[in-house]
N, C-alpha and C. Protein backbone atom coordinates (compact mmCIF):
# COMPACT_ATOMS: atom_id res chain seq x y z
N UNK A 1 105.79 125.50 99.59
CA UNK A 1 106.38 124.69 98.86
C UNK A 1 105.93 123.35 98.99
N UNK A 2 106.12 122.65 97.57
CA UNK A 2 105.68 120.95 97.49
C UNK A 2 106.99 120.46 97.03
N UNK A 3 107.05 119.17 98.02
CA UNK A 3 107.93 118.36 97.64
C UNK A 3 107.65 117.16 96.88
N UNK A 4 108.31 116.86 95.95
CA UNK A 4 108.12 115.47 95.24
C UNK A 4 109.26 114.69 95.22
N UNK A 5 109.11 113.43 94.79
CA UNK A 5 109.73 112.41 94.50
C UNK A 5 110.13 112.28 93.01
N UNK A 6 111.38 112.42 92.28
CA UNK A 6 111.58 111.92 91.09
C UNK A 6 112.25 110.76 90.85
N UNK A 7 112.03 109.91 89.90
CA UNK A 7 112.48 108.47 89.65
C UNK A 7 112.92 108.67 88.17
N UNK A 8 113.97 107.84 87.96
CA UNK A 8 114.21 107.69 86.47
C UNK A 8 114.88 106.16 86.21
N UNK A 9 114.83 105.77 85.13
CA UNK A 9 115.00 104.42 84.84
C UNK A 9 115.97 104.21 83.33
N UNK A 10 116.65 103.29 83.32
CA UNK A 10 117.22 102.86 82.08
C UNK A 10 116.56 103.12 80.89
N UNK A 11 115.11 103.03 80.77
CA UNK A 11 114.38 103.11 79.73
C UNK A 11 114.50 104.65 79.31
N UNK A 12 115.04 105.51 80.15
CA UNK A 12 114.92 106.86 79.59
C UNK A 12 113.54 107.61 80.34
N UNK A 13 112.61 107.17 81.15
CA UNK A 13 111.52 107.43 81.57
C UNK A 13 111.62 108.23 83.01
N UNK A 14 110.97 109.37 83.10
CA UNK A 14 111.27 109.91 84.52
C UNK A 14 109.99 110.24 85.05
N UNK A 15 109.69 109.79 86.34
CA UNK A 15 108.30 109.79 86.79
C UNK A 15 108.14 110.65 87.92
N UNK A 16 107.26 111.05 88.34
CA UNK A 16 106.97 111.97 89.52
C UNK A 16 105.83 111.64 90.45
N UNK A 17 106.34 111.72 91.86
CA UNK A 17 105.52 111.11 92.79
C UNK A 17 105.20 112.07 93.86
N UNK A 18 104.18 112.09 94.70
CA UNK A 18 104.00 113.09 95.98
C UNK A 18 105.00 112.04 97.02
N UNK A 19 105.14 112.91 98.27
CA UNK A 19 105.97 111.95 99.20
C UNK A 19 105.28 111.00 99.88
N UNK A 20 103.88 111.02 99.57
CA UNK A 20 103.09 110.05 100.12
C UNK A 20 102.82 108.82 99.07
N UNK A 21 103.57 108.79 98.06
CA UNK A 21 103.66 107.82 97.13
C UNK A 21 102.67 107.95 95.88
N UNK A 22 101.78 108.89 95.94
CA UNK A 22 100.84 109.10 94.63
C UNK A 22 101.40 109.20 93.44
N UNK A 23 101.10 108.96 92.52
CA UNK A 23 101.80 108.77 91.03
C UNK A 23 101.36 110.40 90.50
N UNK A 24 102.07 111.16 90.02
CA UNK A 24 101.63 112.74 89.45
C UNK A 24 101.65 112.57 88.00
N UNK A 25 102.56 112.04 87.17
CA UNK A 25 102.88 111.93 86.01
C UNK A 25 104.19 111.91 85.35
N UNK A 26 104.66 111.80 84.34
CA UNK A 26 105.97 111.52 83.98
C UNK A 26 106.38 112.60 82.88
N UNK A 27 107.72 112.77 82.52
CA UNK A 27 108.05 113.59 81.91
C UNK A 27 108.02 113.56 80.32
N UNK A 28 107.46 114.32 79.36
CA UNK A 28 107.10 114.22 78.09
C UNK A 28 105.63 113.91 77.80
N UNK A 29 104.92 113.80 78.66
CA UNK A 29 103.39 113.18 78.45
C UNK A 29 102.78 114.29 77.93
N UNK A 30 101.72 114.09 76.97
CA UNK A 30 101.04 115.02 76.04
C UNK A 30 100.07 115.78 76.84
N UNK A 31 99.70 115.39 78.06
CA UNK A 31 98.43 116.20 78.73
C UNK A 31 99.33 116.93 79.99
N UNK A 32 98.69 118.08 80.17
CA UNK A 32 99.37 118.90 81.38
C UNK A 32 98.91 118.27 82.46
N UNK A 33 99.56 118.57 83.71
CA UNK A 33 99.19 117.94 84.92
C UNK A 33 98.19 119.12 85.74
N UNK A 34 97.20 118.58 86.11
CA UNK A 34 96.13 119.42 87.00
C UNK A 34 96.48 119.21 88.25
N UNK A 35 95.58 119.84 89.27
CA UNK A 35 95.78 119.88 90.63
C UNK A 35 95.72 118.26 91.21
N UNK A 36 96.69 118.04 92.26
CA UNK A 36 96.69 116.70 92.73
C UNK A 36 95.43 116.30 93.44
N UNK A 37 94.79 115.30 93.33
CA UNK A 37 93.43 114.67 93.85
C UNK A 37 93.63 113.64 94.58
N UNK A 38 92.93 113.38 95.80
CA UNK A 38 93.04 112.43 96.37
C UNK A 38 92.58 111.03 96.00
N UNK A 39 92.09 111.08 94.61
CA UNK A 39 91.57 109.72 93.94
C UNK A 39 92.53 109.40 93.15
N UNK A 40 93.92 109.81 93.11
CA UNK A 40 94.77 109.22 92.14
C UNK A 40 95.14 107.89 92.59
N UNK A 41 95.15 106.99 91.65
CA UNK A 41 95.39 105.49 91.74
C UNK A 41 96.65 105.24 91.17
N UNK A 42 97.50 104.46 91.85
CA UNK A 42 98.67 104.17 91.28
C UNK A 42 98.81 103.34 90.33
N UNK A 43 99.36 103.30 89.05
CA UNK A 43 99.45 102.28 88.12
C UNK A 43 99.91 101.05 88.52
N UNK A 44 99.53 99.87 87.93
CA UNK A 44 100.20 98.56 88.39
C UNK A 44 101.61 98.58 88.51
N UNK A 45 102.41 99.19 87.39
CA UNK A 45 103.81 98.97 87.49
C UNK A 45 104.53 99.64 88.79
N UNK A 46 103.61 100.78 89.07
CA UNK A 46 104.26 101.30 90.19
C UNK A 46 104.07 100.65 91.45
N UNK A 47 102.49 100.06 91.57
CA UNK A 47 102.36 99.28 92.74
C UNK A 47 103.32 98.19 93.22
N UNK A 48 104.18 97.47 92.20
CA UNK A 48 104.75 96.77 92.73
C UNK A 48 106.25 97.06 93.22
N UNK A 49 106.45 98.35 92.95
CA UNK A 49 107.75 98.76 93.57
C UNK A 49 107.47 99.49 94.88
N UNK A 50 106.12 100.08 95.09
CA UNK A 50 105.93 100.82 96.23
C UNK A 50 105.96 100.22 97.50
């Protein structure tokens, strides 16, 4: 089983993260999510809250 963190915001976005804080993706994006890589870099907007 994989555990994830799901966040939501007043701007109606839903983002998914691993328990270690790596950004996975957001609901509604056009690209499918692939296997998680250790090379995933958090976006600037996410880093300010981590």
